[in-house]
Amino acid sequence: MPQQRAREYLRNENDMPKDGDTCHDLSSEVPIIDFSLISEGHKEELQKLDLACKQWGCFQMVNHVVAREVMQGMKDSAAKFFELPLEEKNKIAVPLYGMQGYGHASVVSEDQVLDWSDRLILAVHPSKYRNLKVWPPTPFKEAIETYTSEVRKVGEEILKSISLNMGMDKDVFLGLHQELVQALSVCYYPPCSMPDKVLGITPHSDICILTIYSYARRRCDWTRV
């Protein structure tokens, strides 16, 4: 890491996670929800979803509708994009005061410490929110279209199930949102020579109603699911 660039990423010791911040013994307890069952209104599975939302705020979804080849196509296309030379990726860089495109979308000062990651952020639905000037070319664009369309179906079904668990008609929760806006964040965490001094992503709270993760490789000290 060049010294002049290192200052943009290096964090104070107090900002780094401590050994006790990560759970190592909870992997067997992470809730696992069967998408096919909640889609059919299976009572016991809906109860599991209800507990997962109340006690964990997260869960692993299995037997969902996103085909394995669709997920792999998305991962392969993303990997090829991040392997491109920087000058190629910068052709779709986040514009000044913009939020979509390649790079860090929320840099607010020259003193800000950046995340050690490569990132592509796009609004995908409704289409009127898309900034196609910062969309990657085909075939990555096609992979994004297919993947996000399938993930949206999963998200909508989760919201319907949560609505049922709240004692409402299954479409009430969706109806409360005049527009269910969907965004995509594709992240790559490159190797780092000083991993104990950088963070791949700053601690934060998402502002959306649902965040659906598709994870690839993970460090051994993550809670495994």
C-alpha atoms as a PDB file:
ATOM      1  CA  MET A   1       0.000   0.000   0.000  1.00  0.00           C
ATOM      2  CA  PRO A   2       1.610   3.341  -1.001  1.00  0.00           C
ATOM      3  CA  GLN A   3       2.168   5.567   2.045  1.00  0.00           C
ATOM      4  CA  GLN A   4       0.202   8.477   0.571  1.00  0.00           C
ATOM      5  CA  ARG A   5      -2.809   6.204   0.023  1.00  0.00           C
ATOM      6  CA  ALA A   6      -2.481   4.357   3.338  1.00  0.00           C
ATOM      7  CA  ARG A   7      -3.695   7.339   5.342  1.00  0.00           C
ATOM      8  CA  GLU A   8      -7.025   7.158   3.523  1.00  0.00           C
ATOM      9  CA  TYR A   9      -7.728   3.678   4.913  1.00  0.00           C
ATOM     10  CA  LEU A  10      -5.855   3.254   8.217  1.00  0.00           C
ATOM     11  CA  ARG A  11      -8.022   3.419  11.330  1.00  0.00           C
ATOM     12  CA  ASN A  12      -7.364   4.194  14.962  1.00  0.00           C
ATOM     13  CA  GLU A  13      -7.056   1.233  17.296  1.00  0.00           C
ATOM     14  CA  ASN A  14     -10.319   2.214  19.012  1.00  0.00           C
ATOM     15  CA  ASP A  15     -12.180   1.904  15.708  1.00  0.00           C
ATOM     16  CA  MET A  16     -11.136  -1.702  15.156  1.00  0.00           C
ATOM     17  CA  PRO A  17     -13.240  -4.655  16.384  1.00  0.00           C
ATOM     18  CA  LYS A  18     -12.053  -6.441  19.484  1.00  0.00           C
ATOM     19  CA  ASP A  19     -11.704 -10.207  19.900  1.00  0.00           C
ATOM     20  CA  GLY A  20     -14.851 -10.318  22.006  1.00  0.00           C
ATOM     21  CA  ASP A  21     -16.961  -8.523  19.400  1.00  0.00           C
ATOM     22  CA  THR A  22     -17.465 -11.603  17.229  1.00  0.00           C
ATOM     23  CA  CYS A  23     -19.559 -14.631  18.164  1.00  0.00           C
ATOM     24  CA  HIS A  24     -17.920 -18.012  17.631  1.00  0.00           C
ATOM     25  CA  ASP A  25     -20.402 -20.343  19.292  1.00  0.00           C
ATOM     26  CA  LEU A  26     -23.772 -19.266  17.873  1.00  0.00           C
ATOM     27  CA  SER A  27     -23.648 -20.747  14.374  1.00  0.00           C
ATOM     28  CA  SER A  28     -26.041 -23.580  15.232  1.00  0.00           C
ATOM     29  CA  GLU A  29     -28.583 -21.055  16.507  1.00  0.00           C
ATOM     30  CA  VAL A  30     -28.751 -18.720  13.519  1.00  0.00           C
ATOM     31  CA  PRO A  31     -32.392 -19.030  12.355  1.00  0.00           C
ATOM     32  CA  ILE A  32     -32.888 -20.881   9.081  1.00  0.00           C
ATOM     33  CA  ILE A  33     -36.142 -20.135   7.265  1.00  0.00           C
ATOM     34  CA  ASP A  34     -37.528 -22.289   4.444  1.00  0.00           C
ATOM     35  CA  PHE A  35     -38.784 -19.926   1.741  1.00  0.00           C
ATOM     36  CA  SER A  36     -40.922 -22.598   0.091  1.00  0.00           C
ATOM     37  CA  LEU A  37     -42.815 -23.154   3.350  1.00  0.00           C
ATOM     38  CA  ILE A  38     -43.522 -19.525   4.213  1.00  0.00           C
ATOM     39  CA  SER A  39     -44.664 -19.003   0.610  1.00  0.00           C
ATOM     40  CA  GLU A  40     -47.306 -21.665   1.235  1.00  0.00           C
ATOM     41  CA  GLY A  41     -48.344 -20.081   4.544  1.00  0.00           C
ATOM     42  CA  HIS A  42     -46.900 -22.913   6.644  1.00  0.00           C
ATOM     43  CA  LYS A  43     -47.865 -21.974  10.222  1.00  0.00           C
ATOM     44  CA  GLU A  44     -44.819 -23.356  12.039  1.00  0.00           C
ATOM     45  CA  GLU A  45     -42.404 -21.815   9.543  1.00  0.00           C
ATOM     46  CA  LEU A  46     -44.148 -18.447   9.840  1.00  0.00           C
ATOM     47  CA  GLN A  47     -43.709 -18.690  13.611  1.00  0.00           C
ATOM     48  CA  LYS A  48     -39.991 -19.370  13.116  1.00  0.00           C
ATOM     49  CA  LEU A  49     -39.779 -16.290  10.903  1.00  0.00           C
ATOM     50  CA  ASP A  50     -41.571 -14.232  13.539  1.00  0.00           C
ATOM     51  CA  LEU A  51     -39.109 -15.292  16.247  1.00  0.00           C
ATOM     52  CA  ALA A  52     -36.136 -14.703  13.953  1.00  0.00           C
ATOM     53  CA  CYS A  53     -37.268 -11.141  13.282  1.00  0.00           C
ATOM     54  CA  LYS A  54     -37.933 -10.420  16.949  1.00  0.00           C
ATOM     55  CA  GLN A  55     -34.911 -12.108  18.520  1.00  0.00           C
ATOM     56  CA  TRP A  56     -32.214 -11.859  15.855  1.00  0.00           C
ATOM     57  CA  GLY A  57     -33.244  -9.346  13.232  1.00  0.00           C
ATOM     58  CA  CYS A  58     -31.678 -11.641  10.645  1.00  0.00           C
ATOM     59  CA  PHE A  59     -31.926 -15.193   9.323  1.00  0.00           C
ATOM     60  CA  GLN A  60     -30.677 -17.503   6.597  1.00  0.00           C
ATOM     61  CA  MET A  61     -33.137 -18.208   3.797  1.00  0.00           C
ATOM     62  CA  VAL A  62     -33.087 -21.633   2.113  1.00  0.00           C
ATOM     63  CA  ASN A  63     -35.106 -23.122  -0.748  1.00  0.00           C
ATOM     64  CA  HIS A  64     -35.673 -19.694  -2.268  1.00  0.00           C
ATOM     65  CA  VAL A  65     -36.543 -18.946  -5.892  1.00  0.00           C
ATOM     66  CA  VAL A  66     -33.188 -17.528  -6.991  1.00  0.00           C
ATOM     67  CA  ALA A  67     -31.674 -20.264  -9.132  1.00  0.00           C
ATOM     68  CA  ARG A  68     -28.100 -21.350  -8.418  1.00  0.00           C
ATOM     69  CA  GLU A  69     -27.041 -20.519 -11.982  1.00  0.00           C
ATOM     70  CA  VAL A  70     -28.476 -17.001 -11.637  1.00  0.00           C
ATOM     71  CA  MET A  71     -26.518 -16.429  -8.431  1.00  0.00           C
ATOM     72  CA  GLN A  72     -23.338 -17.860  -9.922  1.00  0.00           C
ATOM     73  CA  GLY A  73     -23.762 -15.775 -13.067  1.00  0.00           C
ATOM     74  CA  MET A  74     -23.997 -12.663 -10.938  1.00  0.00           C
ATOM     75  CA  LYS A  75     -20.905 -13.575  -8.907  1.00  0.00           C
ATOM     76  CA  ASP A  76     -18.886 -14.440 -12.013  1.00  0.00           C
ATOM     77  CA  SER A  77     -19.829 -11.189 -13.763  1.00  0.00           C
ATOM     78  CA  ALA A  78     -19.014  -9.166 -10.649  1.00  0.00           C
ATOM     79  CA  ALA A  79     -15.635 -10.873 -10.274  1.00  0.00           C
ATOM     80  CA  LYS A  80     -14.732 -10.068 -13.892  1.00  0.00           C
ATOM     81  CA  PHE A  81     -15.743  -6.441 -13.395  1.00  0.00           C
ATOM     82  CA  PHE A  82     -13.574  -5.972 -10.308  1.00  0.00           C
ATOM     83  CA  GLU A  83     -10.634  -7.554 -12.137  1.00  0.00           C
ATOM     84  CA  LEU A  84     -10.745  -4.785 -14.766  1.00  0.00           C
ATOM     85  CA  PRO A  85      -8.052  -2.079 -14.734  1.00  0.00           C
ATOM     86  CA  LEU A  86      -8.935   0.912 -12.577  1.00  0.00           C
ATOM     87  CA  GLU A  87      -9.259   3.191 -15.601  1.00  0.00           C
ATOM     88  CA  GLU A  88     -11.940   0.888 -17.017  1.00  0.00           C
ATOM     89  CA  LYS A  89     -13.911   0.740 -13.774  1.00  0.00           C
ATOM     90  CA  ASN A  90     -13.654   4.497 -13.385  1.00  0.00           C
ATOM     91  CA  LYS A  91     -15.625   4.944 -16.601  1.00  0.00           C
ATOM     92  CA  ILE A  92     -18.720   4.330 -14.470  1.00  0.00           C
ATOM     93  CA  ALA A  93     -17.443   6.011 -11.295  1.00  0.00           C
ATOM     94  CA  VAL A  94     -19.838   7.684  -8.863  1.00  0.00           C
ATOM     95  CA  PRO A  95     -20.296  11.256 -10.163  1.00  0.00           C
ATOM     96  CA  LEU A  96     -19.814  14.278  -7.917  1.00  0.00           C
ATOM     97  CA  TYR A  97     -22.704  14.452  -5.421  1.00  0.00           C
ATOM     98  CA  GLY A  98     -24.005  11.164  -6.814  1.00  0.00           C
ATOM     99  CA  MET A  99     -24.869   7.925  -5.038  1.00  0.00           C
ATOM    100  CA  GLN A 100     -24.753   5.413  -7.888  1.00  0.00           C
ATOM    101  CA  GLY A 101     -21.789   3.949  -9.698  1.00  0.00           C
ATOM    102  CA  TYR A 102     -18.363   2.502  -8.962  1.00  0.00           C
ATOM    103  CA  GLY A 103     -16.463   3.693  -5.898  1.00  0.00           C
ATOM    104  CA  HIS A 104     -17.281   5.237  -2.532  1.00  0.00           C
ATOM    105  CA  ALA A 105     -20.628   7.017  -2.672  1.00  0.00           C
ATOM    106  CA  SER A 106     -20.516   8.782   0.683  1.00  0.00           C
ATOM    107  CA  VAL A 107     -17.153  10.543   0.895  1.00  0.00           C
ATOM    108  CA  VAL A 108     -17.887  13.790   2.726  1.00  0.00           C
ATOM    109  CA  SER A 109     -14.414  15.124   3.588  1.00  0.00           C
ATOM    110  CA  GLU A 110     -10.741  14.781   2.721  1.00  0.00           C
ATOM    111  CA  ASP A 111     -10.066  13.504   6.244  1.00  0.00           C
ATOM    112  CA  GLN A 112     -12.590  10.664   6.009  1.00  0.00           C
ATOM    113  CA  VAL A 113     -11.191   7.168   6.532  1.00  0.00           C
ATOM    114  CA  LEU A 114     -12.329   4.944   3.674  1.00  0.00           C
ATOM    115  CA  ASP A 115     -13.450   1.326   3.701  1.00  0.00           C
ATOM    116  CA  TRP A 116     -10.976  -1.206   2.315  1.00  0.00           C
ATOM    117  CA  SER A 117     -13.275  -2.390  -0.450  1.00  0.00           C
ATOM    118  CA  ASP A 118     -14.241  -2.025  -4.074  1.00  0.00           C
ATOM    119  CA  ARG A 119     -17.920  -1.241  -4.509  1.00  0.00           C
ATOM    120  CA  LEU A 120     -20.575  -0.828  -7.185  1.00  0.00           C
ATOM    121  CA  ILE A 121     -23.894   0.701  -6.088  1.00  0.00           C
ATOM    122  CA  LEU A 122     -26.918   0.885  -8.389  1.00  0.00           C
ATOM    123  CA  ALA A 123     -30.617   1.681  -8.111  1.00  0.00           C
ATOM    124  CA  VAL A 124     -32.419  -1.081  -9.998  1.00  0.00           C
ATOM    125  CA  HIS A 125     -36.174  -0.775  -9.328  1.00  0.00           C
ATOM    126  CA  PRO A 126     -38.299   1.083 -10.294  1.00  0.00           C
ATOM    127  CA  SER A 127     -36.359   1.719 -13.489  1.00  0.00           C
ATOM    128  CA  LYS A 128     -36.961   5.491 -13.312  1.00  0.00           C
ATOM    129  CA  TYR A 129     -34.365   5.684 -10.522  1.00  0.00           C
ATOM    130  CA  ARG A 130     -31.626   4.078 -12.590  1.00  0.00           C
ATOM    131  CA  ASN A 131     -28.662   6.100 -13.748  1.00  0.00           C
ATOM    132  CA  LEU A 132     -27.730   4.043 -16.779  1.00  0.00           C
ATOM    133  CA  LYS A 133     -24.631   6.168 -17.366  1.00  0.00           C
ATOM    134  CA  VAL A 134     -22.970   4.340 -14.473  1.00  0.00           C
ATOM    135  CA  TRP A 135     -24.247   0.849 -15.251  1.00  0.00           C
ATOM    136  CA  PRO A 136     -21.664  -1.719 -16.346  1.00  0.00           C
ATOM    137  CA  PRO A 137     -21.797  -3.068 -19.900  1.00  0.00           C
ATOM    138  CA  THR A 138     -23.283  -6.364 -21.015  1.00  0.00           C
ATOM    139  CA  PRO A 139     -23.088  -9.198 -19.901  1.00  0.00           C
ATOM    140  CA  PHE A 140     -22.770  -7.833 -16.341  1.00  0.00           C
ATOM    141  CA  LYS A 141     -25.794  -5.616 -16.946  1.00  0.00           C
ATOM    142  CA  GLU A 142     -27.899  -8.610 -17.990  1.00  0.00           C
ATOM    143  CA  ALA A 143     -26.750 -10.581 -14.939  1.00  0.00           C
ATOM    144  CA  ILE A 144     -27.805  -7.684 -12.696  1.00  0.00           C
ATOM    145  CA  GLU A 145     -31.229  -7.491 -14.353  1.00  0.00           C
ATOM    146  CA  THR A 146     -31.890 -11.206 -13.894  1.00  0.00           C
ATOM    147  CA  TYR A 147     -30.497 -11.491 -10.377  1.00  0.00           C
ATOM    148  CA  THR A 148     -32.221  -8.441  -8.894  1.00  0.00           C
ATOM    149  CA  SER A 149     -35.551  -9.412 -10.455  1.00  0.00           C
ATOM    150  CA  GLU A 150     -35.426 -12.794  -8.716  1.00  0.00           C
ATOM    151  CA  VAL A 151     -34.232 -11.336  -5.414  1.00  0.00           C
ATOM    152  CA  ARG A 152     -37.107  -8.863  -5.502  1.00  0.00           C
ATOM    153  CA  LYS A 153     -39.547 -11.788  -5.518  1.00  0.00           C
ATOM    154  CA  VAL A 154     -37.899 -13.135  -2.372  1.00  0.00           C
ATOM    155  CA  GLY A 155     -38.103  -9.767  -0.644  1.00  0.00           C
ATOM    156  CA  GLU A 156     -41.761  -9.302  -1.495  1.00  0.00           C
ATOM    157  CA  GLU A 157     -42.641 -12.749  -0.159  1.00  0.00           C
ATOM    158  CA  ILE A 158     -40.776 -12.045   3.082  1.00  0.00           C
ATOM    159  CA  LEU A 159     -42.760  -8.832   3.548  1.00  0.00           C
ATOM    160  CA  LYS A 160     -46.013 -10.687   2.883  1.00  0.00           C
ATOM    161  CA  SER A 161     -45.094 -13.265   5.515  1.00  0.00           C
ATOM    162  CA  ILE A 162     -44.165 -10.579   8.045  1.00  0.00           C
ATOM    163  CA  SER A 163     -47.517  -8.935   7.347  1.00  0.00           C
ATOM    164  CA  LEU A 164     -49.304 -12.195   8.164  1.00  0.00           C
ATOM    165  CA  ASN A 165     -47.294 -12.537  11.368  1.00  0.00           C
ATOM    166  CA  MET A 166     -48.473  -9.069  12.389  1.00  0.00           C
ATOM    167  CA  GLY A 167     -52.090 -10.165  12.065  1.00  0.00           C
ATOM    168  CA  MET A 168     -52.735  -8.334   8.802  1.00  0.00           C
ATOM    169  CA  ASP A 169     -53.658  -9.398   5.298  1.00  0.00           C
ATOM    170  CA  LYS A 170     -50.542 -10.589   3.460  1.00  0.00           C
ATOM    171  CA  ASP A 171     -50.569  -7.665   0.998  1.00  0.00           C
ATOM    172  CA  VAL A 172     -50.998  -4.887   3.577  1.00  0.00           C
ATOM    173  CA  PHE A 173     -47.280  -4.375   4.233  1.00  0.00           C
ATOM    174  CA  LEU A 174     -46.528  -4.121   0.518  1.00  0.00           C
ATOM    175  CA  GLY A 175     -49.466  -1.770   0.064  1.00  0.00           C
ATOM    176  CA  LEU A 176     -48.049   0.634   2.632  1.00  0.00           C
ATOM    177  CA  HIS A 177     -45.133   1.246   0.272  1.00  0.00           C
ATOM    178  CA  GLN A 178     -46.268   3.130  -2.806  1.00  0.00           C
ATOM    179  CA  GLU A 179     -42.907   2.299  -4.328  1.00  0.00           C
ATOM    180  CA  LEU A 180     -40.763  -0.580  -3.151  1.00  0.00           C
ATOM    181  CA  VAL A 181     -37.394   0.808  -4.187  1.00  0.00           C
ATOM    182  CA  GLN A 182     -34.615  -1.721  -4.727  1.00  0.00           C
ATOM    183  CA  ALA A 183     -30.894  -1.003  -4.825  1.00  0.00           C
ATOM    184  CA  LEU A 184     -27.906  -3.264  -5.414  1.00  0.00           C
ATOM    185  CA  SER A 185     -24.531  -3.035  -3.707  1.00  0.00           C
ATOM    186  CA  VAL A 186     -21.793  -5.314  -5.062  1.00  0.00           C
ATOM    187  CA  CYS A 187     -18.685  -5.420  -2.876  1.00  0.00           C
ATOM    188  CA  TYR A 188     -15.208  -6.856  -3.335  1.00  0.00           C
ATOM    189  CA  TYR A 189     -12.765  -6.956  -0.427  1.00  0.00           C
ATOM    190  CA  PRO A 190      -9.239  -7.166  -1.875  1.00  0.00           C
ATOM    191  CA  PRO A 191      -6.296  -8.646   0.037  1.00  0.00           C
ATOM    192  CA  CYS A 192      -4.581  -6.166   2.343  1.00  0.00           C
ATOM    193  CA  SER A 193      -1.042  -6.162   3.721  1.00  0.00           C
ATOM    194  CA  MET A 194      -2.287  -4.567   6.967  1.00  0.00           C
ATOM    195  CA  PRO A 195      -5.642  -6.233   7.661  1.00  0.00           C
ATOM    196  CA  ASP A 196      -5.485  -5.374  11.364  1.00  0.00           C
ATOM    197  CA  LYS A 197      -5.565  -1.650  10.552  1.00  0.00           C
ATOM    198  CA  VAL A 198      -8.400  -1.406   8.018  1.00  0.00           C
ATOM    199  CA  LEU A 199     -12.099  -2.242   7.830  1.00  0.00           C
ATOM    200  CA  GLY A 200     -13.866  -3.691   4.816  1.00  0.00           C
ATOM    201  CA  ILE A 201     -17.049  -1.904   5.811  1.00  0.00           C
ATOM    202  CA  THR A 202     -17.687   0.725   8.471  1.00  0.00           C
ATOM    203  CA  PRO A 203     -20.231  -0.184  11.186  1.00  0.00           C
ATOM    204  CA  HIS A 204     -23.568   1.242  10.091  1.00  0.00           C
ATOM    205  CA  SER A 205     -27.333   0.802  10.076  1.00  0.00           C
ATOM    206  CA  ASP A 206     -29.142   0.238   6.787  1.00  0.00           C
ATOM    207  CA  ILE A 207     -32.013   2.615   6.060  1.00  0.00           C
ATOM    208  CA  CYS A 208     -33.999   0.102   4.017  1.00  0.00           C
ATOM    209  CA  ILE A 209     -36.768  -2.184   5.218  1.00  0.00           C
ATOM    210  CA  LEU A 210     -34.917  -5.332   4.098  1.00  0.00           C
ATOM    211  CA  THR A 211     -31.315  -6.159   3.283  1.00  0.00           C
ATOM    212  CA  ILE A 212     -30.769  -9.431   1.418  1.00  0.00           C
ATOM    213  CA  TYR A 213     -27.180 -10.671   1.371  1.00  0.00           C
ATOM    214  CA  SER A 214     -25.639 -13.195  -0.964  1.00  0.00           C
ATOM    215  CA  TYR A 215     -22.263 -13.942   0.584  1.00  0.00           C
ATOM    216  CA  ALA A 216     -19.283 -15.616  -1.022  1.00  0.00           C
ATOM    217  CA  ARG A 217     -16.042 -16.103   0.878  1.00  0.00           C
ATOM    218  CA  ARG A 218     -15.948 -15.169   4.531  1.00  0.00           C
ATOM    219  CA  ARG A 219     -13.300 -14.860   7.226  1.00  0.00           C
ATOM    220  CA  CYS A 220     -13.169 -17.711   9.668  1.00  0.00           C
ATOM    221  CA  ASP A 221     -14.183 -15.465  12.571  1.00  0.00           C
ATOM    222  CA  TRP A 222     -17.589 -14.651  11.106  1.00  0.00           C
ATOM    223  CA  THR A 223     -20.613 -16.458  12.491  1.00  0.00           C
ATOM    224  CA  ARG A 224     -20.976 -19.287   9.993  1.00  0.00           C
ATOM    225  CA  VAL A 225     -24.370 -19.996   8.457  1.00  0.00           C
END
